[in-house]
Amino acid sequence: MNQAVIFGLTEPEFGELCLKFLLSGLIAYMVFIIWNLARESKAGGYGMMWMFLGLGLGMFGFISKELIIKMLAGGQS
């Protein structure tokens, strides 16, 4: 069974690589959006901290979920 090769990588390898890079870019863009929203609303330092905490919690949950999966999978060999 032959797998499709894209840029010298198999399709699953290419998909995993794209997911990591593109998702990292999306998270960086979301951080910029939160910063810009806080700046335009003149939230101040304390308000900006709460905006990053509240709006960034979802990104933190997604990242921590991936780390927890890797830690649990590492113990099961």
PDB file of N, CA and C in Angstrom:
ATOM      1  N   MET A   1       0.831  -1.166   0.000  1.00  0.00           N
ATOM      2  CA  MET A   1       0.000   0.000   0.000  1.00  0.00           C
ATOM      3  C   MET A   1       0.887   1.245   0.000  1.00  0.00           C
ATOM      4  N   ASN A   2       0.808   2.024  -1.051  1.00  0.00           N
ATOM      5  CA  ASN A   2       1.618   3.228  -1.164  1.00  0.00           C
ATOM      6  C   ASN A   2       0.885   4.409  -0.560  1.00  0.00           C
ATOM      7  N   GLN A   3       1.643   5.208   0.191  1.00  0.00           N
ATOM      8  CA  GLN A   3       1.072   6.425   0.756  1.00  0.00           C
ATOM      9  C   GLN A   3       1.504   7.610  -0.092  1.00  0.00           C
ATOM     10  N   ALA A   4       0.666   8.624  -0.103  1.00  0.00           N
ATOM     11  CA  ALA A   4       1.004   9.838  -0.851  1.00  0.00           C
ATOM     12  C   ALA A   4       2.190  10.521  -0.190  1.00  0.00           C
ATOM     13  N   VAL A   5       3.100  11.034  -1.042  1.00  0.00           N
ATOM     14  CA  VAL A   5       4.279  11.733  -0.543  1.00  0.00           C
ATOM     15  C   VAL A   5       4.160  13.201  -0.927  1.00  0.00           C
ATOM     16  N   ILE A   6       4.244  14.072   0.087  1.00  0.00           N
ATOM     17  CA  ILE A   6       4.151  15.508  -0.114  1.00  0.00           C
ATOM     18  C   ILE A   6       5.423  16.121   0.435  1.00  0.00           C
ATOM     19  N   PHE A   7       6.205  16.770  -0.423  1.00  0.00           N
ATOM     20  CA  PHE A   7       7.472  17.394  -0.033  1.00  0.00           C
ATOM     21  C   PHE A   7       8.394  16.408   0.682  1.00  0.00           C
ATOM     22  N   GLY A   8       8.397  15.174   0.266  1.00  0.00           N
ATOM     23  CA  GLY A   8       9.265  14.156   0.851  1.00  0.00           C
ATOM     24  C   GLY A   8       8.741  13.554   2.141  1.00  0.00           C
ATOM     25  N   LEU A   9       7.549  13.910   2.541  1.00  0.00           N
ATOM     26  CA  LEU A   9       6.943  13.377   3.756  1.00  0.00           C
ATOM     27  C   LEU A   9       5.684  12.603   3.395  1.00  0.00           C
ATOM     28  N   THR A  10       5.367  11.591   4.190  1.00  0.00           N
ATOM     29  CA  THR A  10       4.099  10.899   3.972  1.00  0.00           C
ATOM     30  C   THR A  10       2.969  11.821   4.416  1.00  0.00           C
ATOM     31  N   GLU A  11       1.758  11.502   4.010  1.00  0.00           N
ATOM     32  CA  GLU A  11       0.625  12.362   4.328  1.00  0.00           C
ATOM     33  C   GLU A  11       0.413  12.533   5.834  1.00  0.00           C
ATOM     34  N   PRO A  12       0.491  11.485   6.658  1.00  0.00           N
ATOM     35  CA  PRO A  12       0.333  11.698   8.110  1.00  0.00           C
ATOM     36  C   PRO A  12       1.441  12.571   8.707  1.00  0.00           C
ATOM     37  N   GLU A  13       2.678  12.388   8.245  1.00  0.00           N
ATOM     38  CA  GLU A  13       3.788  13.216   8.738  1.00  0.00           C
ATOM     39  C   GLU A  13       3.584  14.676   8.340  1.00  0.00           C
ATOM     40  N   PHE A  14       3.172  14.901   7.098  1.00  0.00           N
ATOM     41  CA  PHE A  14       2.926  16.261   6.612  1.00  0.00           C
ATOM     42  C   PHE A  14       1.774  16.912   7.380  1.00  0.00           C
ATOM     43  N   GLY A  15       0.723  16.153   7.630  1.00  0.00           N
ATOM     44  CA  GLY A  15      -0.426  16.678   8.366  1.00  0.00           C
ATOM     45  C   GLY A  15      -0.061  17.053   9.791  1.00  0.00           C
ATOM     46  N   GLU A  16       0.725  16.214  10.461  1.00  0.00           N
ATOM     47  CA  GLU A  16       1.138  16.508  11.828  1.00  0.00           C
ATOM     48  C   GLU A  16       2.047  17.734  11.881  1.00  0.00           C
ATOM     49  N   LEU A  17       2.955  17.856  10.925  1.00  0.00           N
ATOM     50  CA  LEU A  17       3.862  19.001  10.866  1.00  0.00           C
ATOM     51  C   LEU A  17       3.091  20.294  10.601  1.00  0.00           C
ATOM     52  N   CYS A  18       2.164  20.257   9.665  1.00  0.00           N
ATOM     53  CA  CYS A  18       1.350  21.439   9.363  1.00  0.00           C
ATOM     54  C   CYS A  18       0.493  21.829  10.560  1.00  0.00           C
ATOM     55  N   LEU A  19      -0.065  20.834  11.242  1.00  0.00           N
ATOM     56  CA  LEU A  19      -0.900  21.116  12.401  1.00  0.00           C
ATOM     57  C   LEU A  19      -0.103  21.860  13.472  1.00  0.00           C
ATOM     58  N   LYS A  20       1.121  21.397  13.724  1.00  0.00           N
ATOM     59  CA  LYS A  20       1.930  22.042  14.759  1.00  0.00           C
ATOM     60  C   LYS A  20       2.276  23.474  14.376  1.00  0.00           C
ATOM     61  N   PHE A  21       2.737  23.705  13.154  1.00  0.00           N
ATOM     62  CA  PHE A  21       3.158  25.041  12.751  1.00  0.00           C
ATOM     63  C   PHE A  21       1.969  25.990  12.563  1.00  0.00           C
ATOM     64  N   LEU A  22       0.939  25.534  11.890  1.00  0.00           N
ATOM     65  CA  LEU A  22      -0.195  26.412  11.626  1.00  0.00           C
ATOM     66  C   LEU A  22      -0.990  26.706  12.897  1.00  0.00           C
ATOM     67  N   LEU A  23      -1.100  25.737  13.776  1.00  0.00           N
ATOM     68  CA  LEU A  23      -1.797  25.970  15.032  1.00  0.00           C
ATOM     69  C   LEU A  23      -0.996  26.919  15.926  1.00  0.00           C
ATOM     70  N   SER A  24       0.320  26.813  15.896  1.00  0.00           N
ATOM     71  CA  SER A  24       1.160  27.750  16.649  1.00  0.00           C
ATOM     72  C   SER A  24       0.978  29.161  16.111  1.00  0.00           C
ATOM     73  N   GLY A  25       0.905  29.308  14.797  1.00  0.00           N
ATOM     74  CA  GLY A  25       0.662  30.616  14.201  1.00  0.00           C
ATOM     75  C   GLY A  25      -0.702  31.164  14.580  1.00  0.00           C
ATOM     76  N   LEU A  26      -1.703  30.308  14.620  1.00  0.00           N
ATOM     77  CA  LEU A  26      -3.050  30.734  15.005  1.00  0.00           C
ATOM     78  C   LEU A  26      -3.078  31.201  16.459  1.00  0.00           C
ATOM     79  N   ILE A  27      -2.391  30.489  17.336  1.00  0.00           N
ATOM     80  CA  ILE A  27      -2.337  30.879  18.741  1.00  0.00           C
ATOM     81  C   ILE A  27      -1.619  32.214  18.887  1.00  0.00           C
ATOM     82  N   ALA A  28      -0.521  32.420  18.148  1.00  0.00           N
ATOM     83  CA  ALA A  28       0.180  33.705  18.185  1.00  0.00           C
ATOM     84  C   ALA A  28      -0.731  34.828  17.690  1.00  0.00           C
ATOM     85  N   TYR A  29      -1.507  34.570  16.665  1.00  0.00           N
ATOM     86  CA  TYR A  29      -2.435  35.569  16.147  1.00  0.00           C
ATOM     87  C   TYR A  29      -3.533  35.883  17.170  1.00  0.00           C
ATOM     88  N   MET A  30      -4.000  34.868  17.881  1.00  0.00           N
ATOM     89  CA  MET A  30      -5.017  35.090  18.906  1.00  0.00           C
ATOM     90  C   MET A  30      -4.457  35.925  20.060  1.00  0.00           C
ATOM     91  N   VAL A  31      -3.195  35.717  20.413  1.00  0.00           N
ATOM     92  CA  VAL A  31      -2.552  36.549  21.441  1.00  0.00           C
ATOM     93  C   VAL A  31      -2.494  37.991  20.964  1.00  0.00           C
ATOM     94  N   PHE A  32      -2.159  38.199  19.692  1.00  0.00           N
ATOM     95  CA  PHE A  32      -2.147  39.553  19.142  1.00  0.00           C
ATOM     96  C   PHE A  32      -3.538  40.181  19.195  1.00  0.00           C
ATOM     97  N   ILE A  33      -4.572  39.414  18.885  1.00  0.00           N
ATOM     98  CA  ILE A  33      -5.939  39.931  18.913  1.00  0.00           C
ATOM     99  C   ILE A  33      -6.323  40.352  20.336  1.00  0.00           C
ATOM    100  N   ILE A  34      -5.983  39.539  21.330  1.00  0.00           N
ATOM    101  CA  ILE A  34      -6.286  39.886  22.717  1.00  0.00           C
ATOM    102  C   ILE A  34      -5.541  41.155  23.114  1.00  0.00           C
ATOM    103  N   TRP A  35      -4.264  41.245  22.751  1.00  0.00           N
ATOM    104  CA  TRP A  35      -3.467  42.437  23.080  1.00  0.00           C
ATOM    105  C   TRP A  35      -4.064  43.683  22.417  1.00  0.00           C
ATOM    106  N   ASN A  36      -4.430  43.558  21.142  1.00  0.00           N
ATOM    107  CA  ASN A  36      -4.994  44.691  20.413  1.00  0.00           C
ATOM    108  C   ASN A  36      -6.346  45.106  21.006  1.00  0.00           C
ATOM    109  N   LEU A  37      -7.156  44.148  21.384  1.00  0.00           N
ATOM    110  CA  LEU A  37      -8.445  44.432  22.003  1.00  0.00           C
ATOM    111  C   LEU A  37      -8.258  45.167  23.329  1.00  0.00           C
ATOM    112  N   ALA A  38      -7.305  44.720  24.130  1.00  0.00           N
ATOM    113  CA  ALA A  38      -7.041  45.374  25.418  1.00  0.00           C
ATOM    114  C   ALA A  38      -6.494  46.785  25.210  1.00  0.00           C
ATOM    115  N   ARG A  39      -5.651  46.957  24.216  1.00  0.00           N
ATOM    116  CA  ARG A  39      -5.064  48.269  23.945  1.00  0.00           C
ATOM    117  C   ARG A  39      -6.124  49.240  23.454  1.00  0.00           C
ATOM    118  N   GLU A  40      -6.973  48.814  22.533  1.00  0.00           N
ATOM    119  CA  GLU A  40      -7.993  49.700  21.978  1.00  0.00           C
ATOM    120  C   GLU A  40      -9.086  50.045  22.987  1.00  0.00           C
ATOM    121  N   SER A  41      -9.343  49.149  23.927  1.00  0.00           N
ATOM    122  CA  SER A  41     -10.370  49.431  24.927  1.00  0.00           C
ATOM    123  C   SER A  41      -9.801  50.212  26.109  1.00  0.00           C
ATOM    124  N   LYS A  42      -8.494  50.492  26.074  1.00  0.00           N
ATOM    125  CA  LYS A  42      -7.808  51.230  27.148  1.00  0.00           C
ATOM    126  C   LYS A  42      -8.055  50.560  28.499  1.00  0.00           C
ATOM    127  N   ALA A  43      -7.830  49.266  28.532  1.00  0.00           N
ATOM    128  CA  ALA A  43      -8.107  48.484  29.733  1.00  0.00           C
ATOM    129  C   ALA A  43      -7.084  48.733  30.832  1.00  0.00           C
ATOM    130  N   GLY A  44      -5.911  49.233  30.514  1.00  0.00           N
ATOM    131  CA  GLY A  44      -4.871  49.410  31.515  1.00  0.00           C
ATOM    132  C   GLY A  44      -4.168  48.098  31.794  1.00  0.00           C
ATOM    133  N   GLY A  45      -3.178  48.157  32.653  1.00  0.00           N
ATOM    134  CA  GLY A  45      -2.391  46.954  32.943  1.00  0.00           C
ATOM    135  C   GLY A  45      -3.180  45.865  33.638  1.00  0.00           C
ATOM    136  N   TYR A  46      -3.974  46.264  34.632  1.00  0.00           N
ATOM    137  CA  TYR A  46      -4.762  45.289  35.378  1.00  0.00           C
ATOM    138  C   TYR A  46      -5.843  44.669  34.493  1.00  0.00           C
ATOM    139  N   GLY A  47      -6.517  45.501  33.704  1.00  0.00           N
ATOM    140  CA  GLY A  47      -7.548  44.993  32.796  1.00  0.00           C
ATOM    141  C   GLY A  47      -6.958  44.101  31.716  1.00  0.00           C
ATOM    142  N   MET A  48      -5.769  44.465  31.220  1.00  0.00           N
ATOM    143  CA  MET A  48      -5.119  43.645  30.202  1.00  0.00           C
ATOM    144  C   MET A  48      -4.768  42.273  30.772  1.00  0.00           C
ATOM    145  N   MET A  49      -4.311  42.267  32.035  1.00  0.00           N
ATOM    146  CA  MET A  49      -3.982  40.990  32.672  1.00  0.00           C
ATOM    147  C   MET A  49      -5.226  40.095  32.727  1.00  0.00           C
ATOM    148  N   TRP A  50      -6.380  40.657  33.107  1.00  0.00           N
ATOM    149  CA  TRP A  50      -7.596  39.860  33.199  1.00  0.00           C
ATOM    150  C   TRP A  50      -8.097  39.423  31.827  1.00  0.00           C
ATOM    151  N   MET A  51      -7.896  40.264  30.820  1.00  0.00           N
ATOM    152  CA  MET A  51      -8.306  39.875  29.466  1.00  0.00           C
ATOM    153  C   MET A  51      -7.465  38.701  28.972  1.00  0.00           C
ATOM    154  N   PHE A  52      -6.143  38.789  29.206  1.00  0.00           N
ATOM    155  CA  PHE A  52      -5.286  37.682  28.795  1.00  0.00           C
ATOM    156  C   PHE A  52      -5.610  36.426  29.585  1.00  0.00           C
ATOM    157  N   LEU A  53      -5.889  36.580  30.865  1.00  0.00           N
ATOM    158  CA  LEU A  53      -6.220  35.416  31.689  1.00  0.00           C
ATOM    159  C   LEU A  53      -7.527  34.781  31.232  1.00  0.00           C
ATOM    160  N   GLY A  54      -8.560  35.592  31.059  1.00  0.00           N
ATOM    161  CA  GLY A  54      -9.863  35.057  30.684  1.00  0.00           C
ATOM    162  C   GLY A  54      -9.915  34.515  29.270  1.00  0.00           C
ATOM    163  N   LEU A  55      -9.413  35.290  28.322  1.00  0.00           N
ATOM    164  CA  LEU A  55      -9.493  34.874  26.922  1.00  0.00           C
ATOM    165  C   LEU A  55      -8.398  33.876  26.548  1.00  0.00           C
ATOM    166  N   GLY A  56      -7.285  33.914  27.258  1.00  0.00           N
ATOM    167  CA  GLY A  56      -6.186  33.007  26.950  1.00  0.00           C
ATOM    168  C   GLY A  56      -6.296  31.658  27.624  1.00  0.00           C
ATOM    169  N   LEU A  57      -7.262  31.510  28.524  1.00  0.00           N
ATOM    170  CA  LEU A  57      -7.406  30.249  29.245  1.00  0.00           C
ATOM    171  C   LEU A  57      -7.745  29.085  28.311  1.00  0.00           C
ATOM    172  N   GLY A  58      -8.511  29.350  27.273  1.00  0.00           N
ATOM    173  CA  GLY A  58      -8.842  28.293  26.314  1.00  0.00           C
ATOM    174  C   GLY A  58      -7.617  27.799  25.568  1.00  0.00           C
ATOM    175  N   MET A  59      -6.742  28.733  25.176  1.00  0.00           N
ATOM    176  CA  MET A  59      -5.499  28.332  24.497  1.00  0.00           C
ATOM    177  C   MET A  59      -4.619  27.521  25.447  1.00  0.00           C
ATOM    178  N   PHE A  60      -4.553  27.951  26.692  1.00  0.00           N
ATOM    179  CA  PHE A  60      -3.754  27.231  27.676  1.00  0.00           C
ATOM    180  C   PHE A  60      -4.287  25.818  27.874  1.00  0.00           C
ATOM    181  N   GLY A  61      -5.603  25.674  27.906  1.00  0.00           N
ATOM    182  CA  GLY A  61      -6.213  24.353  28.057  1.00  0.00           C
ATOM    183  C   GLY A  61      -5.884  23.437  26.893  1.00  0.00           C
ATOM    184  N   PHE A  62      -5.900  23.985  25.678  1.00  0.00           N
ATOM    185  CA  PHE A  62      -5.586  23.176  24.504  1.00  0.00           C
ATOM    186  C   PHE A  62      -4.128  22.723  24.544  1.00  0.00           C
ATOM    187  N   ILE A  63      -3.231  23.628  24.872  1.00  0.00           N
ATOM    188  CA  ILE A  63      -1.807  23.292  24.927  1.00  0.00           C
ATOM    189  C   ILE A  63      -1.538  22.290  26.041  1.00  0.00           C
ATOM    190  N   SER A  64      -2.129  22.499  27.224  1.00  0.00           N
ATOM    191  CA  SER A  64      -1.892  21.581  28.338  1.00  0.00           C
ATOM    192  C   SER A  64      -2.472  20.202  28.049  1.00  0.00           C
ATOM    193  N   LYS A  65      -3.587  20.140  27.304  1.00  0.00           N
ATOM    194  CA  LYS A  65      -4.167  18.845  26.940  1.00  0.00           C
ATOM    195  C   LYS A  65      -3.172  18.030  26.118  1.00  0.00           C
ATOM    196  N   GLU A  66      -2.512  18.684  25.162  1.00  0.00           N
ATOM    197  CA  GLU A  66      -1.522  17.986  24.339  1.00  0.00           C
ATOM    198  C   GLU A  66      -0.344  17.503  25.181  1.00  0.00           C
ATOM    199  N   LEU A  67       0.106  18.324  26.138  1.00  0.00           N
ATOM    200  CA  LEU A  67       1.217  17.922  27.004  1.00  0.00           C
ATOM    201  C   LEU A  67       0.826  16.752  27.899  1.00  0.00           C
ATOM    202  N   ILE A  68      -0.392  16.769  28.419  1.00  0.00           N
ATOM    203  CA  ILE A  68      -0.859  15.672  29.271  1.00  0.00           C
ATOM    204  C   ILE A  68      -0.957  14.382  28.466  1.00  0.00           C
ATOM    205  N   ILE A  69      -1.445  14.455  27.239  1.00  0.00           N
ATOM    206  CA  ILE A  69      -1.536  13.266  26.388  1.00  0.00           C
ATOM    207  C   ILE A  69      -0.151  12.692  26.139  1.00  0.00           C
ATOM    208  N   LYS A  70       0.823  13.553  25.858  1.00  0.00           N
ATOM    209  CA  LYS A  70       2.190  13.073  25.608  1.00  0.00           C
ATOM    210  C   LYS A  70       2.788  12.446  26.865  1.00  0.00           C
ATOM    211  N   MET A  71       2.520  13.046  28.039  1.00  0.00           N
ATOM    212  CA  MET A  71       3.069  12.488  29.285  1.00  0.00           C
ATOM    213  C   MET A  71       2.437  11.133  29.589  1.00  0.00           C
ATOM    214  N   LEU A  72       1.139  11.016  29.386  1.00  0.00           N
ATOM    215  CA  LEU A  72       0.474   9.736  29.668  1.00  0.00           C
ATOM    216  C   LEU A  72       0.875   8.664  28.667  1.00  0.00           C
ATOM    217  N   ALA A  73       1.048   9.041  27.405  1.00  0.00           N
ATOM    218  CA  ALA A  73       1.445   8.071  26.382  1.00  0.00           C
ATOM    219  C   ALA A  73       2.896   7.645  26.582  1.00  0.00           C
ATOM    220  N   GLY A  74       3.731   8.509  27.133  1.00  0.00           N
ATOM    221  CA  GLY A  74       5.133   8.174  27.370  1.00  0.00           C
ATOM    222  C   GLY A  74       5.299   7.093  28.428  1.00  0.00           C
ATOM    223  N   GLY A  75       4.381   7.020  29.375  1.00  0.00           N
ATOM    224  CA  GLY A  75       4.459   6.019  30.428  1.00  0.00           C
ATOM    225  C   GLY A  75       3.929   4.663  30.001  1.00  0.00           C
ATOM    226  N   GLN A  76       3.246   4.572  28.891  1.00  0.00           N
ATOM    227  CA  GLN A  76       2.651   3.318  28.420  1.00  0.00           C
ATOM    228  C   GLN A  76       3.404   2.795  27.216  1.00  0.00           C
ATOM    229  N   SER A  77       4.477   2.096  27.449  1.00  0.00           N
ATOM    230  CA  SER A  77       5.239   1.542  26.326  1.00  0.00           C
ATOM    231  C   SER A  77       5.187   0.057  26.290  1.00  0.00           C
TER     232      SER A  77
END
